[in-house]
Amino acid sequence: MPNKSAGLTGRALAVYSKDMKVELRSKYAFNAILMFGITTLAVVSFTLGQSGLSASLLAALFWIIMFFAAMAGLAQVFVREEETGTVLALRLAADPTAVYLGKLFFNLSLMILIAFVITPVFFIFTDAPVDNILLFVLVLILGIVGLCAATTIVAAIISKAGIKGALFAVLSFPILFVLLLLLVSASTRVLEEATLGGIALELQGLVAYSGVMITASLMLFKYVWQE
């Protein structure tokens, strides 16, 4: 458990380390997200076929899969604390900022691992062009940061609710709607072989979204956490 006398980074890393050890033992969130993403991708790709899909359809398909995969597992970051009864101990051991950052780092690690698996499978199953793969990875990283920044605070809000899974998706979608539009637009241009300058506006929007969401979450989280 984190010690309040340690620095903010140390306390956040202690929370992150605790969650990572629990996840490595159970692998619940990782398996849930991975199985949902792979299964959905396989079903959709075999239904639509590998060739003839437009860039916009491929981009929308990829981010829909990433969105619902995130919905399948990211809520567990706070739900697990409530279900195991460790939430009170965590409140006493660490301040809200360290808890939020630790949970955010954990969700980022989880989604990055998932993306490393889902992204190559997506390109194989859909026969999407790979000429701009590095630019696609840049969009993917910014998308994951924005996705995790928003869903981490939502997960904290719904952790005490009775129907957590359904409420998580319902509350997350309006917050993530603008992010998903930016991601689909940027990914479409990348798959159409746009240059870095061609998606500069979308990249600026993604950076701004992540910055605003993380800042707002840090300001609000202490009220949510202490409720």
C-alpha atoms as a PDB file:
ATOM      1  CA  MET A   1       0.000   0.000   0.000  1.00  0.00           C
ATOM      2  CA  PRO A   2       1.216   3.552  -0.714  1.00  0.00           C
ATOM      3  CA  ASN A   3       2.591   5.680   2.094  1.00  0.00           C
ATOM      4  CA  LYS A   4       1.361   9.274   2.393  1.00  0.00           C
ATOM      5  CA  SER A   5       4.874  10.422   3.321  1.00  0.00           C
ATOM      6  CA  ALA A   6       6.142   9.376  -0.101  1.00  0.00           C
ATOM      7  CA  GLY A   7       6.052  11.701  -3.103  1.00  0.00           C
ATOM      8  CA  LEU A   8       3.072  11.882  -5.432  1.00  0.00           C
ATOM      9  CA  THR A   9       4.824   9.806  -8.099  1.00  0.00           C
ATOM     10  CA  GLY A  10       5.767   7.142  -5.576  1.00  0.00           C
ATOM     11  CA  ARG A  11       2.227   6.919  -4.196  1.00  0.00           C
ATOM     12  CA  ALA A  12       0.727   6.740  -7.690  1.00  0.00           C
ATOM     13  CA  LEU A  13       3.182   4.004  -8.667  1.00  0.00           C
ATOM     14  CA  ALA A  14       2.333   2.092  -5.486  1.00  0.00           C
ATOM     15  CA  VAL A  15      -1.368   2.127  -6.417  1.00  0.00           C
ATOM     16  CA  TYR A  16      -0.456   1.092  -9.959  1.00  0.00           C
ATOM     17  CA  SER A  17       1.770  -1.727  -8.706  1.00  0.00           C
ATOM     18  CA  LYS A  18      -0.979  -3.035  -6.409  1.00  0.00           C
ATOM     19  CA  ASP A  19      -3.514  -3.133  -9.246  1.00  0.00           C
ATOM     20  CA  MET A  20      -1.037  -4.725 -11.628  1.00  0.00           C
ATOM     21  CA  LYS A  21      -0.209  -7.502  -9.147  1.00  0.00           C
ATOM     22  CA  VAL A  22      -3.906  -8.213  -8.615  1.00  0.00           C
ATOM     23  CA  GLU A  23      -4.514  -8.273 -12.375  1.00  0.00           C
ATOM     24  CA  LEU A  24      -1.557 -10.571 -13.006  1.00  0.00           C
ATOM     25  CA  ARG A  25      -3.042 -13.021 -10.515  1.00  0.00           C
ATOM     26  CA  SER A  26      -6.615 -12.947 -11.824  1.00  0.00           C
ATOM     27  CA  LYS A  27      -6.210 -11.633 -15.411  1.00  0.00           C
ATOM     28  CA  TYR A  28      -9.913 -10.803 -15.299  1.00  0.00           C
ATOM     29  CA  ALA A  29      -9.883  -7.408 -17.017  1.00  0.00           C
ATOM     30  CA  PHE A  30      -7.216  -8.367 -19.556  1.00  0.00           C
ATOM     31  CA  ASN A  31      -8.993 -11.573 -20.582  1.00  0.00           C
ATOM     32  CA  ALA A  32     -12.395  -9.860 -20.758  1.00  0.00           C
ATOM     33  CA  ILE A  33     -11.133  -7.057 -23.003  1.00  0.00           C
ATOM     34  CA  LEU A  34      -8.997  -9.339 -25.164  1.00  0.00           C
ATOM     35  CA  MET A  35     -11.690 -11.968 -25.745  1.00  0.00           C
ATOM     36  CA  PHE A  36     -14.322  -9.334 -26.539  1.00  0.00           C
ATOM     37  CA  GLY A  37     -12.040  -7.512 -28.983  1.00  0.00           C
ATOM     38  CA  ILE A  38     -10.782 -10.602 -30.814  1.00  0.00           C
ATOM     39  CA  THR A  39     -14.214 -12.245 -31.002  1.00  0.00           C
ATOM     40  CA  THR A  40     -15.935  -9.109 -32.272  1.00  0.00           C
ATOM     41  CA  LEU A  41     -13.194  -8.434 -34.809  1.00  0.00           C
ATOM     42  CA  ALA A  42     -13.291 -12.005 -36.114  1.00  0.00           C
ATOM     43  CA  VAL A  43     -17.094 -12.079 -36.456  1.00  0.00           C
ATOM     44  CA  VAL A  44     -17.323  -8.677 -38.151  1.00  0.00           C
ATOM     45  CA  SER A  45     -14.397  -9.262 -40.513  1.00  0.00           C
ATOM     46  CA  PHE A  46     -15.661 -12.656 -41.657  1.00  0.00           C
ATOM     47  CA  THR A  47     -19.143 -11.197 -42.135  1.00  0.00           C
ATOM     48  CA  LEU A  48     -18.026  -8.178 -44.157  1.00  0.00           C
ATOM     49  CA  GLY A  49     -15.137  -9.861 -45.932  1.00  0.00           C
ATOM     50  CA  GLN A  50     -11.467  -8.870 -46.091  1.00  0.00           C
ATOM     51  CA  SER A  51     -11.482  -6.696 -49.186  1.00  0.00           C
ATOM     52  CA  GLY A  52     -13.558  -3.878 -50.578  1.00  0.00           C
ATOM     53  CA  LEU A  53     -14.097  -2.043 -47.285  1.00  0.00           C
ATOM     54  CA  SER A  54     -13.672   1.724 -47.434  1.00  0.00           C
ATOM     55  CA  ALA A  55     -11.163   3.503 -45.223  1.00  0.00           C
ATOM     56  CA  SER A  56     -13.946   5.194 -43.248  1.00  0.00           C
ATOM     57  CA  LEU A  57     -15.648   1.866 -42.571  1.00  0.00           C
ATOM     58  CA  LEU A  58     -12.366   0.268 -41.481  1.00  0.00           C
ATOM     59  CA  ALA A  59     -11.608   3.172 -39.147  1.00  0.00           C
ATOM     60  CA  ALA A  60     -15.089   3.110 -37.631  1.00  0.00           C
ATOM     61  CA  LEU A  61     -14.899  -0.667 -37.188  1.00  0.00           C
ATOM     62  CA  PHE A  62     -11.546  -0.465 -35.398  1.00  0.00           C
ATOM     63  CA  TRP A  63     -12.592   2.209 -32.919  1.00  0.00           C
ATOM     64  CA  ILE A  64     -15.989   0.645 -32.236  1.00  0.00           C
ATOM     65  CA  ILE A  65     -14.156  -2.547 -31.288  1.00  0.00           C
ATOM     66  CA  MET A  66     -11.704  -0.607 -29.094  1.00  0.00           C
ATOM     67  CA  PHE A  67     -14.556   1.299 -27.418  1.00  0.00           C
ATOM     68  CA  PHE A  68     -16.603  -1.766 -26.517  1.00  0.00           C
ATOM     69  CA  ALA A  69     -13.486  -3.719 -25.536  1.00  0.00           C
ATOM     70  CA  ALA A  70     -12.673  -0.924 -23.088  1.00  0.00           C
ATOM     71  CA  MET A  71     -16.237  -1.046 -21.763  1.00  0.00           C
ATOM     72  CA  ALA A  72     -15.767  -4.759 -21.065  1.00  0.00           C
ATOM     73  CA  GLY A  73     -12.915  -4.312 -18.603  1.00  0.00           C
ATOM     74  CA  LEU A  74     -11.845  -0.803 -17.612  1.00  0.00           C
ATOM     75  CA  ALA A  75     -14.607  -0.342 -15.047  1.00  0.00           C
ATOM     76  CA  GLN A  76     -12.987  -3.055 -12.909  1.00  0.00           C
ATOM     77  CA  VAL A  77     -10.288  -0.640 -11.765  1.00  0.00           C
ATOM     78  CA  PHE A  78     -12.645   0.750  -9.083  1.00  0.00           C
ATOM     79  CA  VAL A  79     -15.362  -1.915  -9.004  1.00  0.00           C
ATOM     80  CA  ARG A  80     -12.783  -4.410  -7.723  1.00  0.00           C
ATOM     81  CA  GLU A  81     -11.990  -2.138  -4.767  1.00  0.00           C
ATOM     82  CA  GLU A  82     -15.679  -1.990  -3.794  1.00  0.00           C
ATOM     83  CA  GLU A  83     -16.274  -5.719  -4.227  1.00  0.00           C
ATOM     84  CA  THR A  84     -13.216  -6.784  -2.214  1.00  0.00           C
ATOM     85  CA  GLY A  85     -13.745  -4.165   0.495  1.00  0.00           C
ATOM     86  CA  THR A  86     -10.314  -2.565   0.056  1.00  0.00           C
ATOM     87  CA  VAL A  87     -11.618   0.874  -0.858  1.00  0.00           C
ATOM     88  CA  LEU A  88     -11.502   2.181   2.729  1.00  0.00           C
ATOM     89  CA  ALA A  89      -7.908   1.058   3.202  1.00  0.00           C
ATOM     90  CA  LEU A  90      -6.936   2.748  -0.059  1.00  0.00           C
ATOM     91  CA  ARG A  91      -8.625   5.993   1.033  1.00  0.00           C
ATOM     92  CA  LEU A  92      -6.609   5.974   4.252  1.00  0.00           C
ATOM     93  CA  ALA A  93      -3.320   5.071   2.581  1.00  0.00           C
ATOM     94  CA  ALA A  94      -3.250   7.442  -0.403  1.00  0.00           C
ATOM     95  CA  ASP A  95      -4.572  10.846  -1.386  1.00  0.00           C
ATOM     96  CA  PRO A  96      -7.120  11.129  -4.249  1.00  0.00           C
ATOM     97  CA  THR A  97      -4.634  12.480  -6.811  1.00  0.00           C
ATOM     98  CA  ALA A  98      -2.282   9.530  -6.327  1.00  0.00           C
ATOM     99  CA  VAL A  99      -5.192   7.078  -6.538  1.00  0.00           C
ATOM    100  CA  TYR A 100      -6.483   8.581  -9.781  1.00  0.00           C
ATOM    101  CA  LEU A 101      -3.037   8.653 -11.398  1.00  0.00           C
ATOM    102  CA  GLY A 102      -2.302   5.088 -10.299  1.00  0.00           C
ATOM    103  CA  LYS A 103      -5.609   3.844 -11.702  1.00  0.00           C
ATOM    104  CA  LEU A 104      -5.061   5.846 -14.898  1.00  0.00           C
ATOM    105  CA  PHE A 105      -1.592   4.317 -15.378  1.00  0.00           C
ATOM    106  CA  PHE A 106      -3.062   0.854 -14.852  1.00  0.00           C
ATOM    107  CA  ASN A 107      -5.814   1.399 -17.441  1.00  0.00           C
ATOM    108  CA  LEU A 108      -3.267   2.822 -19.887  1.00  0.00           C
ATOM    109  CA  SER A 109      -1.043  -0.236 -19.463  1.00  0.00           C
ATOM    110  CA  LEU A 110      -4.006  -2.553 -19.926  1.00  0.00           C
ATOM    111  CA  MET A 111      -5.237  -0.852 -23.108  1.00  0.00           C
ATOM    112  CA  ILE A 112      -1.732  -0.619 -24.595  1.00  0.00           C
ATOM    113  CA  LEU A 113      -1.266  -4.362 -24.096  1.00  0.00           C
ATOM    114  CA  ILE A 114      -4.659  -5.021 -25.679  1.00  0.00           C
ATOM    115  CA  ALA A 115      -3.867  -2.695 -28.601  1.00  0.00           C
ATOM    116  CA  PHE A 116      -0.629  -4.599 -29.279  1.00  0.00           C
ATOM    117  CA  VAL A 117      -2.745  -7.723 -29.781  1.00  0.00           C
ATOM    118  CA  ILE A 118      -5.866  -6.321 -31.476  1.00  0.00           C
ATOM    119  CA  THR A 119      -4.164  -3.941 -33.937  1.00  0.00           C
ATOM    120  CA  PRO A 120      -2.080  -6.544 -35.847  1.00  0.00           C
ATOM    121  CA  VAL A 121      -5.082  -8.901 -35.921  1.00  0.00           C
ATOM    122  CA  PHE A 122      -7.233  -6.052 -37.266  1.00  0.00           C
ATOM    123  CA  PHE A 123      -4.846  -5.394 -40.154  1.00  0.00           C
ATOM    124  CA  ILE A 124      -4.594  -9.111 -40.931  1.00  0.00           C
ATOM    125  CA  PHE A 125      -8.327  -9.826 -40.792  1.00  0.00           C
ATOM    126  CA  THR A 126      -9.439  -6.736 -42.721  1.00  0.00           C
ATOM    127  CA  ASP A 127      -6.548  -6.430 -45.182  1.00  0.00           C
ATOM    128  CA  ALA A 128      -6.260  -2.725 -44.289  1.00  0.00           C
ATOM    129  CA  PRO A 129      -3.352  -0.807 -45.888  1.00  0.00           C
ATOM    130  CA  VAL A 130      -0.199  -0.643 -43.759  1.00  0.00           C
ATOM    131  CA  ASP A 131       1.712   2.103 -45.617  1.00  0.00           C
ATOM    132  CA  ASN A 132       1.089   4.632 -42.819  1.00  0.00           C
ATOM    133  CA  ILE A 133       1.371   2.220 -39.914  1.00  0.00           C
ATOM    134  CA  LEU A 134       3.550   4.530 -37.780  1.00  0.00           C
ATOM    135  CA  LEU A 135       1.052   7.367 -38.179  1.00  0.00           C
ATOM    136  CA  PHE A 136      -1.756   4.969 -37.289  1.00  0.00           C
ATOM    137  CA  VAL A 137       0.149   3.986 -34.121  1.00  0.00           C
ATOM    138  CA  LEU A 138       0.465   7.676 -33.184  1.00  0.00           C
ATOM    139  CA  VAL A 139      -3.307   8.129 -33.508  1.00  0.00           C
ATOM    140  CA  LEU A 140      -3.813   4.899 -31.566  1.00  0.00           C
ATOM    141  CA  ILE A 141      -1.644   6.069 -28.655  1.00  0.00           C
ATOM    142  CA  LEU A 142      -3.416   9.422 -28.422  1.00  0.00           C
ATOM    143  CA  GLY A 143      -6.752   7.627 -28.642  1.00  0.00           C
ATOM    144  CA  ILE A 144      -5.859   5.267 -25.803  1.00  0.00           C
ATOM    145  CA  VAL A 145      -4.776   8.170 -23.579  1.00  0.00           C
ATOM    146  CA  GLY A 146      -8.063  10.000 -24.179  1.00  0.00           C
ATOM    147  CA  LEU A 147     -10.094   6.820 -23.762  1.00  0.00           C
ATOM    148  CA  CYS A 148      -8.458   5.926 -20.456  1.00  0.00           C
ATOM    149  CA  ALA A 149      -8.557   9.496 -19.116  1.00  0.00           C
ATOM    150  CA  ALA A 150     -12.341   9.600 -19.568  1.00  0.00           C
ATOM    151  CA  THR A 151     -13.221   6.055 -18.518  1.00  0.00           C
ATOM    152  CA  THR A 152     -11.124   6.141 -15.324  1.00  0.00           C
ATOM    153  CA  ILE A 153     -13.190   8.943 -13.789  1.00  0.00           C
ATOM    154  CA  VAL A 154     -16.430   7.357 -15.030  1.00  0.00           C
ATOM    155  CA  ALA A 155     -15.397   4.043 -13.449  1.00  0.00           C
ATOM    156  CA  ALA A 156     -14.966   5.818 -10.111  1.00  0.00           C
ATOM    157  CA  ILE A 157     -18.423   7.395 -10.408  1.00  0.00           C
ATOM    158  CA  ILE A 158     -20.269   4.147 -11.171  1.00  0.00           C
ATOM    159  CA  SER A 159     -18.324   1.897  -8.763  1.00  0.00           C
ATOM    160  CA  LYS A 160     -21.035   2.190  -6.093  1.00  0.00           C
ATOM    161  CA  ALA A 161     -23.957   1.680  -8.491  1.00  0.00           C
ATOM    162  CA  GLY A 162     -25.970  -1.532  -8.591  1.00  0.00           C
ATOM    163  CA  ILE A 163     -25.842  -2.088 -12.375  1.00  0.00           C
ATOM    164  CA  LYS A 164     -22.231  -1.126 -13.002  1.00  0.00           C
ATOM    165  CA  GLY A 165     -21.603  -2.588 -16.460  1.00  0.00           C
ATOM    166  CA  ALA A 166     -24.581  -1.027 -18.216  1.00  0.00           C
ATOM    167  CA  LEU A 167     -24.153   2.306 -16.429  1.00  0.00           C
ATOM    168  CA  PHE A 168     -20.466   2.447 -17.345  1.00  0.00           C
ATOM    169  CA  ALA A 169     -21.189   2.271 -21.075  1.00  0.00           C
ATOM    170  CA  VAL A 170     -24.154   4.672 -20.842  1.00  0.00           C
ATOM    171  CA  LEU A 171     -22.133   7.362 -19.038  1.00  0.00           C
ATOM    172  CA  SER A 172     -18.954   6.842 -21.041  1.00  0.00           C
ATOM    173  CA  PHE A 173     -20.411   7.152 -24.536  1.00  0.00           C
ATOM    174  CA  PRO A 174     -21.525  10.841 -24.351  1.00  0.00           C
ATOM    175  CA  ILE A 175     -18.139  11.798 -22.905  1.00  0.00           C
ATOM    176  CA  LEU A 176     -16.244   9.794 -25.516  1.00  0.00           C
ATOM    177  CA  PHE A 177     -18.412  10.769 -28.503  1.00  0.00           C
ATOM    178  CA  VAL A 178     -16.212  13.696 -29.599  1.00  0.00           C
ATOM    179  CA  LEU A 179     -13.074  11.613 -29.051  1.00  0.00           C
ATOM    180  CA  LEU A 180     -14.437   8.780 -31.210  1.00  0.00           C
ATOM    181  CA  LEU A 181     -15.329  11.212 -34.003  1.00  0.00           C
ATOM    182  CA  LEU A 182     -11.780  12.596 -33.969  1.00  0.00           C
ATOM    183  CA  LEU A 183     -10.276   9.118 -33.918  1.00  0.00           C
ATOM    184  CA  VAL A 184     -12.398   7.830 -36.787  1.00  0.00           C
ATOM    185  CA  SER A 185     -11.630  10.938 -38.842  1.00  0.00           C
ATOM    186  CA  ALA A 186      -7.875  10.734 -38.178  1.00  0.00           C
ATOM    187  CA  SER A 187      -7.744   6.969 -38.779  1.00  0.00           C
ATOM    188  CA  THR A 188      -9.693   7.322 -42.023  1.00  0.00           C
ATOM    189  CA  ARG A 189      -7.195   9.877 -43.344  1.00  0.00           C
ATOM    190  CA  VAL A 190      -4.269   7.696 -42.267  1.00  0.00           C
ATOM    191  CA  LEU A 191      -5.714   4.658 -44.060  1.00  0.00           C
ATOM    192  CA  GLU A 192      -6.175   6.877 -47.111  1.00  0.00           C
ATOM    193  CA  GLU A 193      -2.418   7.574 -46.921  1.00  0.00           C
ATOM    194  CA  ALA A 194      -2.611  11.112 -45.580  1.00  0.00           C
ATOM    195  CA  THR A 195       0.585  12.718 -44.287  1.00  0.00           C
ATOM    196  CA  LEU A 196       1.229  14.024 -40.780  1.00  0.00           C
ATOM    197  CA  GLY A 197       0.204  17.497 -41.910  1.00  0.00           C
ATOM    198  CA  GLY A 198      -3.026  16.072 -43.301  1.00  0.00           C
ATOM    199  CA  ILE A 199      -4.223  15.016 -39.852  1.00  0.00           C
ATOM    200  CA  ALA A 200      -2.702  17.890 -37.869  1.00  0.00           C
ATOM    201  CA  LEU A 201      -6.122  19.261 -36.910  1.00  0.00           C
ATOM    202  CA  GLU A 202      -7.301  15.879 -35.589  1.00  0.00           C
ATOM    203  CA  LEU A 203      -4.051  15.391 -33.672  1.00  0.00           C
ATOM    204  CA  GLN A 204      -4.432  18.790 -32.034  1.00  0.00           C
ATOM    205  CA  GLY A 205      -7.987  17.857 -31.069  1.00  0.00           C
ATOM    206  CA  LEU A 206      -6.857  14.539 -29.562  1.00  0.00           C
ATOM    207  CA  VAL A 207      -4.104  16.193 -27.504  1.00  0.00           C
ATOM    208  CA  ALA A 208      -6.504  18.915 -26.317  1.00  0.00           C
ATOM    209  CA  TYR A 209      -9.177  16.351 -25.401  1.00  0.00           C
ATOM    210  CA  SER A 210      -6.752  14.277 -23.327  1.00  0.00           C
ATOM    211  CA  GLY A 211      -5.349  17.353 -21.592  1.00  0.00           C
ATOM    212  CA  VAL A 212      -8.777  18.727 -20.694  1.00  0.00           C
ATOM    213  CA  MET A 213     -10.078  15.336 -19.562  1.00  0.00           C
ATOM    214  CA  ILE A 214      -7.095  14.579 -17.321  1.00  0.00           C
ATOM    215  CA  THR A 215      -7.158  18.072 -15.805  1.00  0.00           C
ATOM    216  CA  ALA A 216     -10.915  17.960 -15.175  1.00  0.00           C
ATOM    217  CA  SER A 217     -10.664  14.442 -13.726  1.00  0.00           C
ATOM    218  CA  LEU A 218      -7.908  15.464 -11.303  1.00  0.00           C
ATOM    219  CA  MET A 219     -10.062  18.370 -10.126  1.00  0.00           C
ATOM    220  CA  LEU A 220     -13.237  16.296  -9.717  1.00  0.00           C
ATOM    221  CA  PHE A 221     -11.845  12.996  -8.532  1.00  0.00           C
ATOM    222  CA  LYS A 222     -11.289  14.007  -4.906  1.00  0.00           C
ATOM    223  CA  TYR A 223     -15.003  14.771  -4.553  1.00  0.00           C
ATOM    224  CA  VAL A 224     -15.991  11.492  -6.204  1.00  0.00           C
ATOM    225  CA  TRP A 225     -13.463   9.478  -4.195  1.00  0.00           C
ATOM    226  CA  GLN A 226     -14.435  10.913  -0.819  1.00  0.00           C
ATOM    227  CA  GLU A 227     -18.189  10.571  -1.408  1.00  0.00           C
END
